[in-house]
Amino acid sequence: MEPGSWPSEHSDALRDYFLKGMSYAEIGREINARFGTVYTRSAVVGRAKRLGLAAPARMKSPSIVPRLPGAISPLAPRAPVLPNSSQPPESVLKPARPVKLRCVGIKPRLISLIELEPGDCRYPYGGDKDGEEIAFCGHPRQPGTSYCTPHFHLTRGPGSASTRCAGPLVLRLVSAA
């Protein structure tokens, strides 16, 4: 027996069991028991397709666990797929409104990275365009964070960015002693 080819009596048994309405796994077990073979379920499915046998209608196997009234059956038909459901909705394809960034009402010191002191705010400005230098706010930072109070609330405050940017904040410079 060549690999991948079935003897005619095995194919005839498959045809008979298939016409009796047995599942592919059951057919494989019966053929293996009858002829001493080791066909897998997948081998039975492949041979049945090559013989031109149509796949049996999906058979419901008896459930071991009783179903609760009103519960959805695990073999329930799937919801129909809508055409073009793989496409994102049109609202996603529209360009987004421009977002106003850095809406804190303070005037940053715009100091370079080299000029930053350990207690200075590290909120960045610039660097949006190629070759544009990045400067930093430089105001005294809030303890336990890298930002001054307005920039801290801008980046980590409660609510959305639009609610955090409701109005300008005034920042006072305090001389260090």
C-alpha atoms as a PDB file:
ATOM      1  CA  MET A   1       0.000   0.000   0.000  1.00  0.00           C
ATOM      2  CA  GLU A   2       1.504   3.338  -1.137  1.00  0.00           C
ATOM      3  CA  PRO A   3       1.322   6.344   1.157  1.00  0.00           C
ATOM      4  CA  GLY A   4      -1.722   8.429   0.298  1.00  0.00           C
ATOM      5  CA  SER A   5      -3.541   5.717  -1.647  1.00  0.00           C
ATOM      6  CA  TRP A   6      -6.277   3.578  -0.187  1.00  0.00           C
ATOM      7  CA  PRO A   7      -7.125   0.019  -1.223  1.00  0.00           C
ATOM      8  CA  SER A   8     -10.472  -0.253  -2.957  1.00  0.00           C
ATOM      9  CA  GLU A   9     -12.080  -2.164  -0.062  1.00  0.00           C
ATOM     10  CA  HIS A  10     -11.165   0.662   2.316  1.00  0.00           C
ATOM     11  CA  SER A  11     -12.680   3.234  -0.051  1.00  0.00           C
ATOM     12  CA  ASP A  12     -15.810   1.090  -0.435  1.00  0.00           C
ATOM     13  CA  ALA A  13     -16.153   0.864   3.362  1.00  0.00           C
ATOM     14  CA  LEU A  14     -15.750   4.639   3.615  1.00  0.00           C
ATOM     15  CA  ARG A  15     -18.502   5.113   1.023  1.00  0.00           C
ATOM     16  CA  ASP A  16     -20.833   2.700   2.875  1.00  0.00           C
ATOM     17  CA  TYR A  17     -20.263   4.282   6.290  1.00  0.00           C
ATOM     18  CA  PHE A  18     -20.642   7.758   4.796  1.00  0.00           C
ATOM     19  CA  LEU A  19     -24.016   6.848   3.278  1.00  0.00           C
ATOM     20  CA  LYS A  20     -25.125   5.573   6.689  1.00  0.00           C
ATOM     21  CA  GLY A  21     -24.601   9.118   8.005  1.00  0.00           C
ATOM     22  CA  MET A  22     -21.594   8.442  10.237  1.00  0.00           C
ATOM     23  CA  SER A  23     -19.198  11.241  11.104  1.00  0.00           C
ATOM     24  CA  TYR A  24     -15.678  11.243   9.680  1.00  0.00           C
ATOM     25  CA  ALA A  25     -14.198  10.352  13.072  1.00  0.00           C
ATOM     26  CA  GLU A  26     -16.609   7.425  13.443  1.00  0.00           C
ATOM     27  CA  ILE A  27     -15.808   6.261   9.909  1.00  0.00           C
ATOM     28  CA  GLY A  28     -12.093   6.347  10.677  1.00  0.00           C
ATOM     29  CA  ARG A  29     -12.553   4.330  13.870  1.00  0.00           C
ATOM     30  CA  GLU A  30     -14.672   1.720  12.071  1.00  0.00           C
ATOM     31  CA  ILE A  31     -12.246   1.331   9.143  1.00  0.00           C
ATOM     32  CA  ASN A  32      -9.261   1.121  11.505  1.00  0.00           C
ATOM     33  CA  ALA A  33     -11.000  -1.564  13.610  1.00  0.00           C
ATOM     34  CA  ARG A  34     -12.119  -3.539  10.560  1.00  0.00           C
ATOM     35  CA  PHE A  35      -8.867  -3.458   8.540  1.00  0.00           C
ATOM     36  CA  GLY A  36      -6.234  -2.864  11.240  1.00  0.00           C
ATOM     37  CA  THR A  37      -5.219   0.517   9.808  1.00  0.00           C
ATOM     38  CA  VAL A  38      -4.393   3.815  11.498  1.00  0.00           C
ATOM     39  CA  TYR A  39      -6.252   6.361   9.374  1.00  0.00           C
ATOM     40  CA  THR A  40      -6.811   9.713  11.046  1.00  0.00           C
ATOM     41  CA  ARG A  41     -10.006  11.724  10.804  1.00  0.00           C
ATOM     42  CA  SER A  42      -8.211  14.109   8.459  1.00  0.00           C
ATOM     43  CA  ALA A  43      -7.200  11.228   6.194  1.00  0.00           C
ATOM     44  CA  VAL A  44     -10.829  10.088   6.048  1.00  0.00           C
ATOM     45  CA  VAL A  45     -11.996  13.626   5.206  1.00  0.00           C
ATOM     46  CA  GLY A  46      -9.393  13.955   2.441  1.00  0.00           C
ATOM     47  CA  ARG A  47     -10.240  10.569   0.924  1.00  0.00           C
ATOM     48  CA  ALA A  48     -13.975  11.328   1.062  1.00  0.00           C
ATOM     49  CA  LYS A  49     -13.395  14.584  -0.811  1.00  0.00           C
ATOM     50  CA  ARG A  50     -11.276  12.822  -3.436  1.00  0.00           C
ATOM     51  CA  LEU A  51     -14.070  10.271  -3.862  1.00  0.00           C
ATOM     52  CA  GLY A  52     -16.475  13.147  -4.465  1.00  0.00           C
ATOM     53  CA  LEU A  53     -18.578  12.525  -1.394  1.00  0.00           C
ATOM     54  CA  ALA A  54     -20.366  15.628  -0.180  1.00  0.00           C
ATOM     55  CA  ALA A  55     -19.740  16.671   3.390  1.00  0.00           C
ATOM     56  CA  PRO A  56     -22.611  15.634   5.634  1.00  0.00           C
ATOM     57  CA  ALA A  57     -24.826  18.317   7.040  1.00  0.00           C
ATOM     58  CA  ARG A  58     -23.495  19.515  10.362  1.00  0.00           C
ATOM     59  CA  MET A  59     -24.724  16.938  12.815  1.00  0.00           C
ATOM     60  CA  LYS A  60     -25.578  17.934  16.340  1.00  0.00           C
ATOM     61  CA  SER A  61     -23.916  15.686  18.833  1.00  0.00           C
ATOM     62  CA  PRO A  62     -25.731  15.037  22.077  1.00  0.00           C
ATOM     63  CA  SER A  63     -24.646  17.455  24.734  1.00  0.00           C
ATOM     64  CA  ILE A  64     -23.290  16.089  27.989  1.00  0.00           C
ATOM     65  CA  VAL A  65     -24.220  19.223  29.889  1.00  0.00           C
ATOM     66  CA  PRO A  66     -27.941  20.017  29.956  1.00  0.00           C
ATOM     67  CA  ARG A  67     -28.779  23.365  28.429  1.00  0.00           C
ATOM     68  CA  LEU A  68     -30.492  25.981  30.531  1.00  0.00           C
ATOM     69  CA  PRO A  69     -33.759  27.374  29.198  1.00  0.00           C
ATOM     70  CA  GLY A  70     -33.088  30.480  27.131  1.00  0.00           C
ATOM     71  CA  ALA A  71     -29.358  29.736  26.836  1.00  0.00           C
ATOM     72  CA  ILE A  72     -27.690  30.123  23.474  1.00  0.00           C
ATOM     73  CA  SER A  73     -26.759  26.851  21.836  1.00  0.00           C
ATOM     74  CA  PRO A  74     -23.054  26.391  21.100  1.00  0.00           C
ATOM     75  CA  LEU A  75     -24.093  25.093  17.679  1.00  0.00           C
ATOM     76  CA  ALA A  76     -26.303  28.097  16.949  1.00  0.00           C
ATOM     77  CA  PRO A  77     -25.813  29.537  13.479  1.00  0.00           C
ATOM     78  CA  ARG A  78     -23.436  32.468  13.281  1.00  0.00           C
ATOM     79  CA  ALA A  79     -24.714  35.955  12.651  1.00  0.00           C
ATOM     80  CA  PRO A  80     -24.639  36.849   8.953  1.00  0.00           C
ATOM     81  CA  VAL A  81     -21.606  38.818   7.854  1.00  0.00           C
ATOM     82  CA  LEU A  82     -22.464  42.214   6.460  1.00  0.00           C
ATOM     83  CA  PRO A  83     -20.952  43.197   3.124  1.00  0.00           C
ATOM     84  CA  ASN A  84     -17.931  45.522   3.412  1.00  0.00           C
ATOM     85  CA  SER A  85     -17.703  44.767   7.149  1.00  0.00           C
ATOM     86  CA  SER A  86     -13.918  44.614   6.869  1.00  0.00           C
ATOM     87  CA  GLN A  87     -13.875  48.301   5.908  1.00  0.00           C
ATOM     88  CA  PRO A  88     -13.729  50.878   8.707  1.00  0.00           C
ATOM     89  CA  PRO A  89     -16.752  53.142   9.092  1.00  0.00           C
ATOM     90  CA  GLU A  90     -16.721  56.364   7.073  1.00  0.00           C
ATOM     91  CA  SER A  91     -16.384  58.447  10.235  1.00  0.00           C
ATOM     92  CA  VAL A  92     -12.915  56.938  10.743  1.00  0.00           C
ATOM     93  CA  LEU A  93     -11.820  57.803   7.223  1.00  0.00           C
ATOM     94  CA  LYS A  94     -12.629  61.515   7.611  1.00  0.00           C
ATOM     95  CA  PRO A  95      -9.686  63.709   8.591  1.00  0.00           C
ATOM     96  CA  ALA A  96      -9.613  64.537  12.277  1.00  0.00           C
ATOM     97  CA  ARG A  97     -10.024  68.079  13.517  1.00  0.00           C
ATOM     98  CA  PRO A  98      -6.705  69.705  14.326  1.00  0.00           C
ATOM     99  CA  VAL A  99      -5.880  69.505  18.001  1.00  0.00           C
ATOM    100  CA  LYS A 100      -4.528  72.551  19.732  1.00  0.00           C
ATOM    101  CA  LEU A 101      -1.457  71.422  21.603  1.00  0.00           C
ATOM    102  CA  ARG A 102       0.295  73.046  24.537  1.00  0.00           C
ATOM    103  CA  CYS A 103      -2.795  74.930  25.608  1.00  0.00           C
ATOM    104  CA  VAL A 104      -1.345  75.954  28.955  1.00  0.00           C
ATOM    105  CA  GLY A 105      -1.419  79.720  29.302  1.00  0.00           C
ATOM    106  CA  ILE A 106       2.206  80.157  30.324  1.00  0.00           C
ATOM    107  CA  LYS A 107       5.200  81.599  28.582  1.00  0.00           C
ATOM    108  CA  PRO A 108       7.927  78.942  28.571  1.00  0.00           C
ATOM    109  CA  ARG A 109      11.546  79.940  29.104  1.00  0.00           C
ATOM    110  CA  LEU A 110      12.561  77.790  26.077  1.00  0.00           C
ATOM    111  CA  ILE A 111      15.912  76.676  27.382  1.00  0.00           C
ATOM    112  CA  SER A 112      18.113  74.010  25.817  1.00  0.00           C
ATOM    113  CA  LEU A 113      18.776  70.600  27.275  1.00  0.00           C
ATOM    114  CA  ILE A 114      22.257  71.637  28.362  1.00  0.00           C
ATOM    115  CA  GLU A 115      20.880  74.637  30.273  1.00  0.00           C
ATOM    116  CA  LEU A 116      18.276  72.597  32.199  1.00  0.00           C
ATOM    117  CA  GLU A 117      18.844  72.532  35.946  1.00  0.00           C
ATOM    118  CA  PRO A 118      17.690  69.613  38.131  1.00  0.00           C
ATOM    119  CA  GLY A 119      14.584  71.517  39.330  1.00  0.00           C
ATOM    120  CA  ASP A 120      13.447  72.782  35.882  1.00  0.00           C
ATOM    121  CA  CYS A 121      10.329  71.657  33.993  1.00  0.00           C
ATOM    122  CA  ARG A 122      11.204  69.259  31.180  1.00  0.00           C
ATOM    123  CA  TYR A 123       8.096  69.818  29.041  1.00  0.00           C
ATOM    124  CA  PRO A 124       9.379  69.936  25.431  1.00  0.00           C
ATOM    125  CA  TYR A 125       8.661  72.587  22.815  1.00  0.00           C
ATOM    126  CA  GLY A 126       9.581  72.381  19.152  1.00  0.00           C
ATOM    127  CA  GLY A 127      11.188  69.515  17.276  1.00  0.00           C
ATOM    128  CA  ASP A 128       8.040  69.036  15.198  1.00  0.00           C
ATOM    129  CA  LYS A 129       9.780  69.869  11.920  1.00  0.00           C
ATOM    130  CA  ASP A 130      12.994  68.333  10.606  1.00  0.00           C
ATOM    131  CA  GLY A 131      16.000  70.163  11.977  1.00  0.00           C
ATOM    132  CA  GLU A 132      13.950  72.216  14.450  1.00  0.00           C
ATOM    133  CA  GLU A 133      15.627  72.437  17.834  1.00  0.00           C
ATOM    134  CA  ILE A 134      13.876  71.202  20.940  1.00  0.00           C
ATOM    135  CA  ALA A 135      13.618  73.578  23.877  1.00  0.00           C
ATOM    136  CA  PHE A 136      12.114  73.003  27.306  1.00  0.00           C
ATOM    137  CA  CYS A 137       9.735  74.955  29.525  1.00  0.00           C
ATOM    138  CA  GLY A 138      12.308  75.517  32.276  1.00  0.00           C
ATOM    139  CA  HIS A 139       9.945  76.806  34.984  1.00  0.00           C
ATOM    140  CA  PRO A 140      10.311  75.321  38.484  1.00  0.00           C
ATOM    141  CA  ARG A 141       8.938  71.804  38.484  1.00  0.00           C
ATOM    142  CA  GLN A 142       6.436  70.255  40.853  1.00  0.00           C
ATOM    143  CA  PRO A 143       7.990  67.931  43.495  1.00  0.00           C
ATOM    144  CA  GLY A 144       7.903  64.281  42.430  1.00  0.00           C
ATOM    145  CA  THR A 145       7.423  64.978  38.719  1.00  0.00           C
ATOM    146  CA  SER A 146       9.407  66.262  35.741  1.00  0.00           C
ATOM    147  CA  TYR A 147       6.936  69.067  34.968  1.00  0.00           C
ATOM    148  CA  CYS A 148       5.805  72.366  36.393  1.00  0.00           C
ATOM    149  CA  THR A 149       2.261  72.397  37.798  1.00  0.00           C
ATOM    150  CA  PRO A 150       0.479  73.538  34.578  1.00  0.00           C
ATOM    151  CA  HIS A 151       2.332  71.019  32.411  1.00  0.00           C
ATOM    152  CA  PHE A 152       1.774  68.271  34.967  1.00  0.00           C
ATOM    153  CA  HIS A 153      -1.980  68.864  34.820  1.00  0.00           C
ATOM    154  CA  LEU A 154      -1.819  69.094  31.039  1.00  0.00           C
ATOM    155  CA  THR A 155      -0.194  65.675  30.740  1.00  0.00           C
ATOM    156  CA  ARG A 156      -1.644  63.761  33.662  1.00  0.00           C
ATOM    157  CA  GLY A 157      -4.580  65.687  35.020  1.00  0.00           C
ATOM    158  CA  PRO A 158      -8.078  64.263  35.372  1.00  0.00           C
ATOM    159  CA  GLY A 159     -10.452  64.298  32.420  1.00  0.00           C
ATOM    160  CA  SER A 160      -9.748  64.629  28.733  1.00  0.00           C
ATOM    161  CA  ALA A 161      -7.234  66.990  27.149  1.00  0.00           C
ATOM    162  CA  SER A 162     -10.038  69.358  26.137  1.00  0.00           C
ATOM    163  CA  THR A 163     -11.244  69.698  29.727  1.00  0.00           C
ATOM    164  CA  ARG A 164      -7.695  70.194  30.985  1.00  0.00           C
ATOM    165  CA  CYS A 165      -7.227  73.035  28.475  1.00  0.00           C
ATOM    166  CA  ALA A 166     -10.360  74.936  29.484  1.00  0.00           C
ATOM    167  CA  GLY A 167      -8.587  78.134  30.462  1.00  0.00           C
ATOM    168  CA  PRO A 168      -5.150  79.654  30.746  1.00  0.00           C
ATOM    169  CA  LEU A 169      -3.125  79.060  33.866  1.00  0.00           C
ATOM    170  CA  VAL A 170      -0.913  81.757  35.300  1.00  0.00           C
ATOM    171  CA  LEU A 171       2.544  80.756  36.410  1.00  0.00           C
ATOM    172  CA  ARG A 172       4.564  82.900  38.770  1.00  0.00           C
ATOM    173  CA  LEU A 173       8.320  82.774  38.846  1.00  0.00           C
ATOM    174  CA  VAL A 174       9.697  82.452  42.322  1.00  0.00           C
ATOM    175  CA  SER A 175      13.313  83.304  42.957  1.00  0.00           C
ATOM    176  CA  ALA A 176      15.313  80.529  44.538  1.00  0.00           C
ATOM    177  CA  ALA A 177      17.186  81.405  47.682  1.00  0.00           C
END
